[in-house]
């Protein structure tokens, strides 16, 4: 039974990592969707600049979140 706490810890850690990876996939999907929406709107001719600005701001915020989560998942490299 000495390995039981380590197994529970590993299981919890794996579960957290899986949850984080799932969230990362959701954010990437939303970022990609926003990119497609922005492209479609701007190609249609006259468009609402404020709407595009808000969509781009949301897209940038998503990119920041994606970058943050990716940095959490990557191990630190000691140079």
C-alpha atoms as a PDB file:
ATOM      1  CA  UNK A   1       0.000   0.000   0.000  1.00  0.00           C
ATOM      2  CA  UNK A   2       2.967   2.344   0.004  1.00  0.00           C
ATOM      3  CA  UNK A   3       2.406   3.199  -3.665  1.00  0.00           C
ATOM      4  CA  UNK A   4      -1.246   4.165  -3.163  1.00  0.00           C
ATOM      5  CA  UNK A   5      -0.754   7.883  -2.305  1.00  0.00           C
ATOM      6  CA  UNK A   6       1.576   8.285  -5.277  1.00  0.00           C
ATOM      7  CA  UNK A   7      -0.963   6.611  -7.543  1.00  0.00           C
ATOM      8  CA  UNK A   8      -3.747   8.895  -6.281  1.00  0.00           C
ATOM      9  CA  UNK A   9      -1.508  11.944  -6.759  1.00  0.00           C
ATOM     10  CA  UNK A  10      -0.594  10.850 -10.297  1.00  0.00           C
ATOM     11  CA  UNK A  11      -4.250  10.207 -11.113  1.00  0.00           C
ATOM     12  CA  UNK A  12      -5.258  13.675  -9.880  1.00  0.00           C
ATOM     13  CA  UNK A  13      -2.376  15.263 -11.766  1.00  0.00           C
ATOM     14  CA  UNK A  14      -3.331  13.425 -14.968  1.00  0.00           C
ATOM     15  CA  UNK A  15      -6.946  14.463 -14.517  1.00  0.00           C
ATOM     16  CA  UNK A  16      -5.914  18.118 -14.114  1.00  0.00           C
ATOM     17  CA  UNK A  17      -3.690  17.915 -17.173  1.00  0.00           C
ATOM     18  CA  UNK A  18      -6.503  16.360 -19.208  1.00  0.00           C
ATOM     19  CA  UNK A  19      -8.881  19.084 -18.073  1.00  0.00           C
ATOM     20  CA  UNK A  20      -6.365  21.790 -18.984  1.00  0.00           C
ATOM     21  CA  UNK A  21      -5.732  20.228 -22.413  1.00  0.00           C
ATOM     22  CA  UNK A  22      -9.478  20.100 -23.046  1.00  0.00           C
ATOM     23  CA  UNK A  23      -9.807  23.788 -22.143  1.00  0.00           C
ATOM     24  CA  UNK A  24      -6.871  24.581 -24.423  1.00  0.00           C
ATOM     25  CA  UNK A  25      -8.595  22.800 -27.319  1.00  0.00           C
ATOM     26  CA  UNK A  26     -11.801  24.768 -26.649  1.00  0.00           C
ATOM     27  CA  UNK A  27      -9.917  28.073 -26.652  1.00  0.00           C
ATOM     28  CA  UNK A  28      -8.085  27.196 -29.869  1.00  0.00           C
ATOM     29  CA  UNK A  29     -11.378  26.282 -31.526  1.00  0.00           C
ATOM     30  CA  UNK A  30     -13.006  29.551 -30.465  1.00  0.00           C
ATOM     31  CA  UNK A  31      -9.934  31.491 -31.663  1.00  0.00           C
ATOM     32  CA  UNK A  32     -10.120  29.763 -35.052  1.00  0.00           C
ATOM     33  CA  UNK A  33     -13.875  30.430 -35.278  1.00  0.00           C
ATOM     34  CA  UNK A  34     -13.366  34.116 -34.540  1.00  0.00           C
ATOM     35  CA  UNK A  35     -10.704  34.312 -37.223  1.00  0.00           C
ATOM     36  CA  UNK A  36     -13.134  32.849 -39.763  1.00  0.00           C
ATOM     37  CA  UNK A  37     -15.928  35.193 -38.657  1.00  0.00           C
ATOM     38  CA  UNK A  38     -13.687  38.262 -38.919  1.00  0.00           C
ATOM     39  CA  UNK A  39     -12.533  37.224 -42.387  1.00  0.00           C
ATOM     40  CA  UNK A  40     -16.082  36.551 -43.573  1.00  0.00           C
ATOM     41  CA  UNK A  41     -17.411  39.871 -42.260  1.00  0.00           C
ATOM     42  CA  UNK A  42     -14.589  41.957 -43.727  1.00  0.00           C
ATOM     43  CA  UNK A  43     -14.895  40.262 -47.148  1.00  0.00           C
ATOM     44  CA  UNK A  44     -18.620  41.031 -47.401  1.00  0.00           C
ATOM     45  CA  UNK A  45     -18.124  44.706 -48.055  1.00  0.00           C
ATOM     46  CA  UNK A  46     -19.261  47.444 -45.690  1.00  0.00           C
ATOM     47  CA  UNK A  47     -18.959  46.307 -42.110  1.00  0.00           C
ATOM     48  CA  UNK A  48     -19.209  47.670 -38.598  1.00  0.00           C
ATOM     49  CA  UNK A  49     -15.702  48.642 -37.515  1.00  0.00           C
ATOM     50  CA  UNK A  50     -16.669  48.565 -33.855  1.00  0.00           C
ATOM     51  CA  UNK A  51     -17.926  44.998 -34.206  1.00  0.00           C
ATOM     52  CA  UNK A  52     -14.673  43.946 -35.895  1.00  0.00           C
ATOM     53  CA  UNK A  53     -12.635  45.731 -33.230  1.00  0.00           C
ATOM     54  CA  UNK A  54     -14.507  43.856 -30.485  1.00  0.00           C
ATOM     55  CA  UNK A  55     -14.073  40.522 -32.244  1.00  0.00           C
ATOM     56  CA  UNK A  56     -10.350  41.160 -32.691  1.00  0.00           C
ATOM     57  CA  UNK A  57     -10.016  42.139 -29.032  1.00  0.00           C
ATOM     58  CA  UNK A  58     -11.757  38.906 -28.008  1.00  0.00           C
ATOM     59  CA  UNK A  59      -9.489  36.944 -30.348  1.00  0.00           C
ATOM     60  CA  UNK A  60      -6.401  38.556 -28.813  1.00  0.00           C
ATOM     61  CA  UNK A  61      -7.652  37.789 -25.321  1.00  0.00           C
ATOM     62  CA  UNK A  62      -8.134  34.153 -26.327  1.00  0.00           C
ATOM     63  CA  UNK A  63      -4.609  34.048 -27.761  1.00  0.00           C
ATOM     64  CA  UNK A  64      -3.231  35.342 -24.453  1.00  0.00           C
ATOM     65  CA  UNK A  65      -5.129  32.627 -22.570  1.00  0.00           C
ATOM     66  CA  UNK A  66      -3.884  29.973 -24.999  1.00  0.00           C
ATOM     67  CA  UNK A  67      -0.292  31.136 -24.561  1.00  0.00           C
ATOM     68  CA  UNK A  68      -0.649  31.104 -20.772  1.00  0.00           C
ATOM     69  CA  UNK A  69      -2.072  27.579 -20.705  1.00  0.00           C
ATOM     70  CA  UNK A  70       0.577  26.317 -23.130  1.00  0.00           C
ATOM     71  CA  UNK A  71       3.290  27.710 -20.855  1.00  0.00           C
ATOM     72  CA  UNK A  72       1.702  25.885 -17.889  1.00  0.00           C
ATOM     73  CA  UNK A  73       1.790  22.583 -19.781  1.00  0.00           C
ATOM     74  CA  UNK A  74       5.390  22.895 -20.961  1.00  0.00           C
ATOM     75  CA  UNK A  75       8.037  21.909 -18.429  1.00  0.00           C
ATOM     76  CA  UNK A  76      10.514  24.581 -17.443  1.00  0.00           C
ATOM     77  CA  UNK A  77      13.820  24.224 -19.237  1.00  0.00           C
ATOM     78  CA  UNK A  78      16.864  25.221 -17.268  1.00  0.00           C
ATOM     79  CA  UNK A  79      19.453  26.652 -19.621  1.00  0.00           C
END
